[in-house]
Amino acid sequence: MLHRRHLLAAGLATALVPRASRAAEAGVLRIGYQKNGILAVAREQAAIEARLKGQGATVRWVEFSFGPPLLEALNLGAIDFGQTGDAPPIFAQAAGANLVYAAAQPNGGSGAAILLPKGSTVGSIAELKGKRVAFAKGSSSHNLIVAALEKAGLTYRDITPVLLAPADGAAAFAGGTIDAWTVWDPYFAIAEQGEGVRVLAQAPEITPTNNFFLANKTFADAQPALLDGALAALGEVAVWCEANRGSVAASLSRITGVPLAATRRTVDRIRYVIAPMDQAVTAEQQRIADRFHGLGIIPRPIRVADIVRPPRNQNNG
């Protein structure tokens, strides 16, 4: 059973995005985050604040429920930096958003799945044909369902897409108004313990699922030292998370209100690493972009490499 208090505690209320663009503020790093993963841990540890203090900088945090609204805020200049799954940057780039890829978390989004509700007779991805499948438009779950259908010999047109943000998807899934739900952790971890719920497929069985750290391009160009300092701090947090998964689970459970058992499953499915945007990761993003364009999901072809921030070799200390 998906308890509303768990979903609300998991940070489902989308942050209000100012409708006017704001320029980057000197000495301030505004970070968009979700209550899960490396950024949530970094916020609790004040790791980025500690790293940037020597640069005379401060940090402001803005919470989001999922990637697309976070990238809208990034494009508008309401925030400077944030993390999302694989699909949101593709939609944003296709729309001409003012952002750059700053770093990657390879296989960091493995905690996602296609779920079936109690009583479902679906036994394979191919049997989703003609079914109502819910997912958040422009999110990593959008890519997961498209890739799963492709792998099963179906197309996006073979299902009835039901475009729902995570909170609404949870309600529809619990209420039996959809035939399947594609979603990521911690929603996945909560839902999979529901009575009669089955996991049809998990992300690692379908496609690589990378996460990304992105920055507003104007900010990245104007204040590269702040961005480099934040990435360096996150690299240290990632190393700590890999070595302290029990503590990470306890911390995230406390932050989100999601039960510890579900949070442990979430943490166990995450690969904590901060890595550069290398050719392999960029090529995988390009495959997703090409797939989406071929299906008419994004309006124009894009070249992912065009918005990858060039590597910087100087000491970020």
Protein backbone atom coordinates (compact mmCIF):
# COMPACT_ATOMS: atom_id res chain seq x y z
CA MET A 1 0.00 0.00 0.00
CA LEU A 2 1.29 3.45 -0.90
CA HIS A 3 0.67 5.67 2.10
CA ARG A 4 0.10 9.32 1.25
CA ARG A 5 2.17 10.45 4.20
CA HIS A 6 5.16 8.55 2.79
CA LEU A 7 4.72 10.12 -0.62
CA LEU A 8 4.36 13.60 0.79
CA ALA A 9 7.38 13.07 3.00
CA ALA A 10 9.36 11.96 -0.02
CA GLY A 11 9.23 15.52 -1.33
CA LEU A 12 6.54 15.23 -3.97
CA ALA A 13 5.49 18.89 -3.94
CA THR A 14 7.14 20.51 -6.92
CA ALA A 15 9.05 23.62 -6.02
CA LEU A 16 7.52 26.83 -7.28
CA VAL A 17 9.54 28.03 -10.22
CA PRO A 18 9.83 31.78 -10.72
CA ARG A 19 8.47 32.64 -14.16
CA ALA A 20 11.16 35.19 -14.93
CA SER A 21 14.79 34.38 -15.56
CA ARG A 22 17.28 35.49 -12.94
CA ALA A 23 20.97 35.98 -13.50
CA ALA A 24 23.48 33.99 -11.50
CA GLU A 25 24.28 35.70 -8.20
CA ALA A 26 27.94 36.33 -7.41
CA GLY A 27 29.12 34.10 -4.59
CA VAL A 28 25.90 32.06 -4.41
CA LEU A 29 25.26 28.53 -5.67
CA ARG A 30 21.55 27.71 -5.94
CA ILE A 31 21.07 23.94 -6.06
CA GLY A 32 17.96 22.08 -7.18
CA TYR A 33 17.68 18.67 -5.57
CA GLN A 34 15.35 15.75 -4.98
CA LYS A 35 15.07 14.01 -1.62
CA ASN A 36 17.13 11.06 -2.77
CA GLY A 37 20.69 10.36 -3.81
CA ILE A 38 23.99 12.14 -3.52
CA LEU A 39 22.68 15.70 -3.38
CA ALA A 40 20.32 14.91 -0.50
CA VAL A 41 23.21 13.43 1.48
CA ALA A 42 25.48 16.34 0.59
CA ARG A 43 22.84 18.77 1.80
CA GLU A 44 22.51 17.06 5.16
CA GLN A 45 26.29 16.94 5.59
CA ALA A 46 26.69 20.55 4.42
CA ALA A 47 29.55 19.20 2.29
CA ILE A 48 29.22 21.73 -0.51
CA GLU A 49 28.89 24.60 1.96
CA ALA A 50 32.11 23.51 3.65
CA ARG A 51 33.92 23.23 0.33
CA LEU A 52 32.80 26.64 -0.93
CA LYS A 53 33.28 28.52 2.33
CA GLY A 54 36.90 29.14 1.48
CA GLN A 55 35.74 30.80 -1.74
CA GLY A 56 33.48 33.12 0.23
CA ALA A 57 30.40 31.51 -1.28
CA THR A 58 27.07 30.38 0.13
CA VAL A 59 24.60 27.69 -0.96
CA ARG A 60 20.82 27.80 -1.34
CA TRP A 61 18.76 24.63 -1.77
CA VAL A 62 15.47 24.26 -3.69
CA GLU A 63 13.52 21.00 -3.58
CA PHE A 64 11.84 19.37 -6.61
CA SER A 65 9.76 16.24 -7.06
CA PHE A 66 11.37 15.09 -10.32
CA GLY A 67 13.63 16.14 -13.16
CA PRO A 68 11.58 18.11 -15.72
CA PRO A 69 10.50 20.96 -13.40
CA LEU A 70 14.03 21.10 -11.99
CA LEU A 71 15.43 21.64 -15.48
CA GLU A 72 12.76 24.24 -16.21
CA ALA A 73 14.05 26.17 -13.21
CA LEU A 74 17.62 25.64 -14.37
CA ASN A 75 16.80 26.99 -17.81
CA LEU A 76 15.02 30.01 -16.36
CA GLY A 77 17.97 30.85 -14.14
CA ALA A 78 15.97 30.26 -10.95
CA ILE A 79 18.63 27.73 -9.89
CA ASP A 80 22.22 27.19 -11.00
CA PHE A 81 22.87 23.45 -10.59
CA GLY A 82 20.98 20.20 -10.12
CA GLN A 83 20.72 16.50 -10.81
CA THR A 84 18.28 14.52 -12.97
CA GLY A 85 17.92 11.20 -14.73
CA ASP A 86 18.64 10.59 -18.39
CA ALA A 87 15.57 11.84 -20.25
CA PRO A 88 14.95 15.33 -18.79
CA PRO A 89 18.10 16.91 -20.28
CA ILE A 90 17.15 15.56 -23.70
CA PHE A 91 13.73 17.19 -23.61
CA ALA A 92 15.30 20.37 -22.27
CA GLN A 93 17.95 20.51 -24.98
CA ALA A 94 15.35 19.87 -27.68
CA ALA A 95 13.45 22.87 -26.32
CA GLY A 96 16.58 25.05 -26.48
CA ALA A 97 17.25 25.20 -22.74
CA ASN A 98 20.23 27.19 -21.48
CA LEU A 99 22.11 24.40 -19.70
CA VAL A 100 25.20 22.22 -19.82
CA TYR A 101 26.09 18.74 -18.63
CA ALA A 102 28.66 19.12 -15.85
CA ALA A 103 29.17 15.51 -14.70
CA ALA A 104 27.61 12.06 -14.79
CA GLN A 105 26.60 9.33 -12.38
CA PRO A 106 26.97 6.22 -14.59
CA ASN A 107 24.38 3.54 -13.80
CA GLY A 108 23.22 5.75 -10.96
CA GLY A 109 19.56 5.41 -11.87
CA SER A 110 19.27 1.63 -11.72
CA GLY A 111 16.50 1.82 -9.13
CA ALA A 112 13.62 2.04 -11.57
CA ALA A 113 11.08 -0.50 -12.74
CA ILE A 114 7.85 -1.28 -14.56
CA LEU A 115 5.33 -2.31 -11.91
CA LEU A 116 2.08 -4.27 -12.18
CA PRO A 117 -0.81 -3.83 -9.74
CA LYS A 118 -2.58 -6.54 -7.80
CA GLY A 119 -4.63 -8.80 -10.05
CA SER A 120 -2.72 -8.02 -13.23
CA THR A 121 -2.49 -10.88 -15.73
CA VAL A 122 0.33 -9.28 -17.71
CA GLY A 123 3.25 -11.70 -17.90
CA SER A 124 5.71 -9.96 -20.20
CA ILE A 125 6.52 -6.57 -21.64
CA ALA A 126 5.01 -7.68 -24.94
CA GLU A 127 1.69 -8.11 -23.12
CA LEU A 128 1.61 -4.39 -22.37
CA LYS A 129 0.28 -3.91 -25.89
CA GLY A 130 -2.95 -1.97 -25.68
CA LYS A 131 -2.50 -1.33 -21.94
CA ARG A 132 -2.60 1.93 -20.00
CA VAL A 133 0.95 2.57 -18.80
CA ALA A 134 1.68 5.51 -16.52
CA PHE A 135 4.94 7.45 -16.27
CA ALA A 136 6.13 11.01 -15.85
CA LYS A 137 6.55 12.75 -19.19
CA GLY A 138 10.13 13.72 -19.92
CA SER A 139 11.48 11.74 -16.96
CA SER A 140 13.85 8.77 -16.81
CA SER A 141 10.77 6.53 -16.58
CA HIS A 142 9.72 7.84 -20.00
CA ASN A 143 12.96 6.52 -21.44
CA LEU A 144 12.67 3.23 -19.56
CA ILE A 145 9.24 2.38 -20.94
CA VAL A 146 10.22 3.37 -24.49
CA ALA A 147 13.38 1.24 -24.30
CA ALA A 148 11.46 -1.70 -22.80
CA LEU A 149 8.86 -1.61 -25.56
CA GLU A 150 11.58 -1.45 -28.19
CA LYS A 151 13.33 -4.45 -26.67
CA ALA A 152 10.07 -6.42 -26.72
CA GLY A 153 9.43 -5.62 -30.38
CA LEU A 154 6.72 -3.06 -29.66
CA THR A 155 6.61 0.67 -30.25
CA TYR A 156 5.46 3.61 -28.17
CA ARG A 157 2.24 3.61 -30.18
CA ASP A 158 1.39 0.10 -28.97
CA ILE A 159 0.49 1.34 -25.48
CA THR A 160 -1.81 4.03 -24.14
CA PRO A 161 0.56 6.44 -22.36
CA VAL A 162 -0.83 7.95 -19.18
CA LEU A 163 1.36 10.93 -18.34
CA LEU A 164 1.40 11.40 -14.59
CA ALA A 165 3.80 12.97 -12.11
CA PRO A 166 4.94 10.51 -9.42
CA ALA A 167 2.33 11.42 -6.80
CA ASP A 168 -0.51 11.12 -9.30
CA GLY A 169 0.97 7.91 -10.69
CA ALA A 170 1.03 6.43 -7.21
CA ALA A 171 -2.62 7.28 -6.69
CA ALA A 172 -3.61 5.84 -10.07
CA PHE A 173 -1.62 2.68 -9.41
CA ALA A 174 -3.15 2.19 -5.98
CA GLY A 175 -6.61 2.93 -7.37
CA GLY A 176 -6.37 0.41 -10.19
CA THR A 177 -6.97 2.90 -13.00
CA ILE A 178 -3.77 2.01 -14.87
CA ASP A 179 -2.37 -1.33 -16.03
CA ALA A 180 1.30 -0.61 -15.28
CA TRP A 181 3.44 2.10 -13.72
CA THR A 182 6.99 2.96 -14.67
CA VAL A 183 8.75 4.77 -11.84
CA TRP A 184 12.01 5.21 -9.96
CA ASP A 185 13.11 4.96 -6.33
CA PRO A 186 11.99 5.68 -3.68
CA TYR A 187 8.52 5.39 -5.24
CA PHE A 188 9.50 2.00 -6.67
CA ALA A 189 10.82 0.80 -3.32
CA ILE A 190 7.60 1.84 -1.56
CA ALA A 191 5.25 0.45 -4.20
CA GLU A 192 6.92 -2.94 -4.64
CA GLN A 193 5.94 -3.91 -1.10
CA GLY A 194 2.23 -3.40 -1.84
CA GLU A 195 -0.07 -6.38 -1.69
CA GLY A 196 -0.02 -8.27 -4.97
CA VAL A 197 2.33 -5.82 -6.68
CA ARG A 198 4.69 -7.43 -9.19
CA VAL A 199 7.86 -6.13 -10.82
CA LEU A 200 7.56 -6.73 -14.55
CA ALA A 201 11.08 -5.51 -15.31
CA GLN A 202 13.82 -3.50 -13.65
CA ALA A 203 15.95 -0.91 -15.41
CA PRO A 204 19.20 -2.94 -15.48
CA GLU A 205 17.40 -5.62 -17.51
CA ILE A 206 16.36 -3.06 -20.11
CA THR A 207 18.84 -0.23 -20.62
CA PRO A 208 21.72 1.65 -18.97
CA THR A 209 20.28 4.29 -16.64
CA ASN A 210 22.63 7.16 -16.03
CA ASN A 211 22.05 10.24 -13.90
CA PHE A 212 23.46 13.65 -14.66
CA PHE A 213 24.56 16.83 -12.93
CA LEU A 214 23.66 19.88 -14.97
CA ALA A 215 24.26 23.60 -14.67
CA ASN A 216 22.69 26.71 -16.09
CA LYS A 217 25.10 27.67 -18.88
CA THR A 218 25.21 31.33 -17.95
CA PHE A 219 26.16 30.38 -14.40
CA ALA A 220 28.73 27.80 -15.54
CA ASP A 221 30.42 30.38 -17.75
CA ALA A 222 30.31 33.14 -15.14
CA GLN A 223 31.27 31.19 -12.01
CA PRO A 224 33.21 28.07 -13.04
CA ALA A 225 35.11 27.89 -9.74
CA LEU A 226 31.89 27.51 -7.75
CA LEU A 227 30.70 24.75 -10.05
CA ASP A 228 34.05 22.96 -9.88
CA GLY A 229 34.08 23.23 -6.10
CA ALA A 230 30.59 21.74 -5.84
CA LEU A 231 31.54 18.83 -8.09
CA ALA A 232 34.67 18.17 -6.06
CA ALA A 233 32.62 18.12 -2.85
CA LEU A 234 30.09 15.76 -4.40
CA GLY A 235 32.89 13.43 -5.45
CA GLU A 236 33.93 13.14 -1.82
CA VAL A 237 30.32 12.58 -0.72
CA ALA A 238 29.96 9.82 -3.32
CA VAL A 239 33.01 7.99 -1.97
CA TRP A 240 31.60 8.26 1.56
CA CYS A 241 28.19 6.97 0.42
CA GLU A 242 29.72 3.91 -1.26
CA ALA A 243 31.54 3.02 1.98
CA ASN A 244 28.64 3.81 4.34
CA ARG A 245 25.42 2.53 2.76
CA GLY A 246 23.80 1.76 6.09
CA SER A 247 24.32 5.32 7.27
CA VAL A 248 23.11 6.66 3.93
CA ALA A 249 19.89 4.66 4.24
CA ALA A 250 19.30 5.85 7.80
CA SER A 251 19.95 9.45 6.75
CA LEU A 252 17.66 9.37 3.71
CA SER A 253 14.89 7.62 5.66
CA ARG A 254 15.08 10.39 8.23
CA ILE A 255 15.07 13.09 5.52
CA THR A 256 12.18 11.68 3.48
CA GLY A 257 10.04 9.86 6.03
CA VAL A 258 10.12 6.78 3.77
CA PRO A 259 10.38 3.59 5.89
CA LEU A 260 13.93 2.42 6.49
CA ALA A 261 13.41 -0.96 4.78
CA ALA A 262 12.29 0.73 1.56
CA THR A 263 15.11 3.25 1.79
CA ARG A 264 17.65 0.47 2.18
CA ARG A 265 16.42 -1.09 -1.05
CA THR A 266 16.74 2.28 -2.74
CA VAL A 267 20.29 2.78 -1.48
CA ASP A 268 21.33 -0.73 -2.46
CA ARG A 269 20.31 -0.02 -6.06
CA ILE A 270 22.34 3.19 -6.39
CA ARG A 271 25.90 3.41 -7.66
CA TYR A 272 27.44 6.37 -5.87
CA VAL A 273 29.98 7.97 -8.17
CA ILE A 274 30.67 11.34 -9.78
CA ALA A 275 32.32 10.94 -13.17
CA PRO A 276 33.13 13.13 -16.17
CA MET A 277 30.94 13.13 -19.25
CA ASP A 278 33.05 10.63 -21.17
CA GLN A 279 32.41 9.36 -24.69
CA ALA A 280 30.51 6.25 -23.57
CA VAL A 281 28.06 8.15 -21.35
CA THR A 282 27.58 10.85 -23.98
CA ALA A 283 26.98 8.21 -26.66
CA GLU A 284 24.31 6.53 -24.53
CA GLN A 285 22.55 9.88 -24.07
CA GLN A 286 22.72 10.37 -27.83
CA ARG A 287 21.08 6.98 -28.40
CA ILE A 288 18.19 8.04 -26.17
CA ALA A 289 17.87 11.35 -27.99
CA ASP A 290 17.87 9.63 -31.37
CA ARG A 291 15.26 7.12 -30.18
CA PHE A 292 12.98 9.88 -28.91
CA HIS A 293 13.33 11.88 -32.12
CA GLY A 294 12.66 8.82 -34.25
CA LEU A 295 9.40 8.28 -32.38
CA GLY A 296 8.42 11.93 -32.64
CA ILE A 297 8.62 12.36 -28.86
CA ILE A 298 11.00 15.31 -29.24
CA PRO A 299 10.43 17.71 -32.14
CA ARG A 300 13.92 17.94 -33.57
CA PRO A 301 17.21 16.04 -33.60
CA ILE A 302 19.81 17.15 -31.09
CA ARG A 303 23.52 16.58 -30.59
CA VAL A 304 24.15 15.87 -26.91
CA ALA A 305 27.85 16.67 -27.16
CA ASP A 306 26.95 20.27 -28.02
CA ILE A 307 26.00 21.00 -24.41
CA VAL A 308 28.65 18.96 -22.61
CA ARG A 309 30.79 21.28 -20.52
CA PRO A 310 34.45 21.02 -21.57
CA PRO A 311 36.68 19.41 -18.91
CA ARG A 312 38.69 21.71 -16.69
CA ASN A 313 42.14 20.57 -15.59
CA GLN A 314 43.00 23.15 -13.00
CA ASN A 315 43.01 22.48 -9.29
CA ASN A 316 39.52 23.05 -7.94
CA GLY A 317 40.60 23.42 -4.34
